[in-house]
Amino acid sequence: MEKTQVDNRQKLGTETAMGHALKKTDRIYIPPRDKSQVAVARPAEGEYKAQLEKAFCAAFQRYEKALEELAKV
């Protein structure tokens, strides 16, 4: 293969490693946070086990598709 073809493939990001399990993702834009807003502590509700279950449910709802994709790997 010519040197220019190799350079072009590396620039485009098409050079991949064998056995790479994760999918390539597009770059996302993460805006800078508003430093004028300060998080404050708030009381936790209920017992620890209930908090864990609630956190798991919230995370699973938010990332269900991602977790299913990772389970296939």
C-alpha atoms as a PDB file:
ATOM      1  CA  MET A   1       0.000   0.000   0.000  1.00  0.00           C
ATOM      2  CA  GLU A   2       1.247   3.460  -0.794  1.00  0.00           C
ATOM      3  CA  LYS A   3       2.276   5.852   1.953  1.00  0.00           C
ATOM      4  CA  THR A   4      -0.437   8.382   0.990  1.00  0.00           C
ATOM      5  CA  GLN A   5      -3.165   5.752   1.341  1.00  0.00           C
ATOM      6  CA  VAL A   6      -1.933   4.809   4.806  1.00  0.00           C
ATOM      7  CA  ASP A   7      -1.782   8.479   5.838  1.00  0.00           C
ATOM      8  CA  ASN A   8      -5.318   9.095   4.538  1.00  0.00           C
ATOM      9  CA  ARG A   9      -6.695   6.074   6.410  1.00  0.00           C
ATOM     10  CA  GLN A  10      -5.102   7.234   9.650  1.00  0.00           C
ATOM     11  CA  LYS A  11      -6.484  10.759   9.206  1.00  0.00           C
ATOM     12  CA  LEU A  12      -9.989   9.418   8.612  1.00  0.00           C
ATOM     13  CA  GLY A  13      -9.811   7.082  11.595  1.00  0.00           C
ATOM     14  CA  THR A  14     -10.411   3.948   9.551  1.00  0.00           C
ATOM     15  CA  GLU A  15      -7.311   2.217  10.884  1.00  0.00           C
ATOM     16  CA  THR A  16      -8.748  -0.225  13.433  1.00  0.00           C
ATOM     17  CA  ALA A  17      -7.309  -2.849  15.726  1.00  0.00           C
ATOM     18  CA  MET A  18      -8.440  -6.448  15.538  1.00  0.00           C
ATOM     19  CA  GLY A  19     -10.791  -7.501  18.313  1.00  0.00           C
ATOM     20  CA  HIS A  20     -11.802  -3.999  19.288  1.00  0.00           C
ATOM     21  CA  ALA A  21     -15.104  -4.605  21.075  1.00  0.00           C
ATOM     22  CA  LEU A  22     -16.461  -1.085  21.410  1.00  0.00           C
ATOM     23  CA  LYS A  23     -18.149   0.826  18.625  1.00  0.00           C
ATOM     24  CA  LYS A  24     -16.618   4.099  17.516  1.00  0.00           C
ATOM     25  CA  THR A  25     -18.699   7.058  18.564  1.00  0.00           C
ATOM     26  CA  ASP A  26     -18.974  10.467  17.037  1.00  0.00           C
ATOM     27  CA  ARG A  27     -17.620  13.353  19.016  1.00  0.00           C
ATOM     28  CA  ILE A  28     -20.231  14.965  21.210  1.00  0.00           C
ATOM     29  CA  TYR A  29     -20.333  18.557  22.296  1.00  0.00           C
ATOM     30  CA  ILE A  30     -20.370  19.024  26.057  1.00  0.00           C
ATOM     31  CA  PRO A  31     -21.023  22.665  26.905  1.00  0.00           C
ATOM     32  CA  PRO A  32     -19.106  24.194  29.807  1.00  0.00           C
ATOM     33  CA  ARG A  33     -21.011  24.125  33.076  1.00  0.00           C
ATOM     34  CA  ASP A  34     -22.501  27.236  34.608  1.00  0.00           C
ATOM     35  CA  LYS A  35     -20.203  27.874  37.572  1.00  0.00           C
ATOM     36  CA  SER A  36     -22.693  30.261  39.159  1.00  0.00           C
ATOM     37  CA  GLN A  37     -24.937  27.306  40.063  1.00  0.00           C
ATOM     38  CA  VAL A  38     -23.771  25.485  43.179  1.00  0.00           C
ATOM     39  CA  ALA A  39     -25.107  22.077  44.194  1.00  0.00           C
ATOM     40  CA  VAL A  40     -26.413  21.881  47.733  1.00  0.00           C
ATOM     41  CA  ALA A  41     -26.814  18.842  49.948  1.00  0.00           C
ATOM     42  CA  ARG A  42     -30.307  17.516  50.445  1.00  0.00           C
ATOM     43  CA  PRO A  43     -31.591  14.867  52.831  1.00  0.00           C
ATOM     44  CA  ALA A  44     -31.747  11.289  51.591  1.00  0.00           C
ATOM     45  CA  GLU A  45     -35.067   9.524  51.755  1.00  0.00           C
ATOM     46  CA  GLY A  46     -35.715   6.040  53.075  1.00  0.00           C
ATOM     47  CA  GLU A  47     -33.264   3.262  53.685  1.00  0.00           C
ATOM     48  CA  TYR A  48     -30.128   2.388  51.759  1.00  0.00           C
ATOM     49  CA  LYS A  49     -31.527  -0.615  49.860  1.00  0.00           C
ATOM     50  CA  ALA A  50     -34.447   1.449  48.553  1.00  0.00           C
ATOM     51  CA  GLN A  51     -32.034   4.174  47.429  1.00  0.00           C
ATOM     52  CA  LEU A  52     -29.938   1.631  45.514  1.00  0.00           C
ATOM     53  CA  GLU A  53     -32.994   0.183  43.811  1.00  0.00           C
ATOM     54  CA  LYS A  54     -34.221   3.644  42.819  1.00  0.00           C
ATOM     55  CA  ALA A  55     -30.778   4.583  41.455  1.00  0.00           C
ATOM     56  CA  PHE A  56     -30.571   1.341  39.454  1.00  0.00           C
ATOM     57  CA  CYS A  57     -34.027   1.898  37.963  1.00  0.00           C
ATOM     58  CA  ALA A  58     -33.164   5.465  36.963  1.00  0.00           C
ATOM     59  CA  ALA A  59     -29.846   4.411  35.408  1.00  0.00           C
ATOM     60  CA  PHE A  60     -31.406   1.461  33.590  1.00  0.00           C
ATOM     61  CA  GLN A  61     -34.152   3.627  32.113  1.00  0.00           C
ATOM     62  CA  ARG A  62     -31.635   6.187  30.936  1.00  0.00           C
ATOM     63  CA  TYR A  63     -29.037   3.752  29.569  1.00  0.00           C
ATOM     64  CA  GLU A  64     -31.130   0.709  28.632  1.00  0.00           C
ATOM     65  CA  LYS A  65     -30.066   0.638  24.982  1.00  0.00           C
ATOM     66  CA  ALA A  66     -26.386   1.141  25.847  1.00  0.00           C
ATOM     67  CA  LEU A  67     -26.494  -1.685  28.393  1.00  0.00           C
ATOM     68  CA  GLU A  68     -28.102  -4.009  25.843  1.00  0.00           C
ATOM     69  CA  GLU A  69     -25.403  -3.158  23.293  1.00  0.00           C
ATOM     70  CA  LEU A  70     -22.646  -3.809  25.835  1.00  0.00           C
ATOM     71  CA  ALA A  71     -24.246  -7.127  26.779  1.00  0.00           C
ATOM     72  CA  LYS A  72     -23.767  -8.299  23.177  1.00  0.00           C
ATOM     73  CA  VAL A  73     -19.980  -7.792  23.364  1.00  0.00           C
END
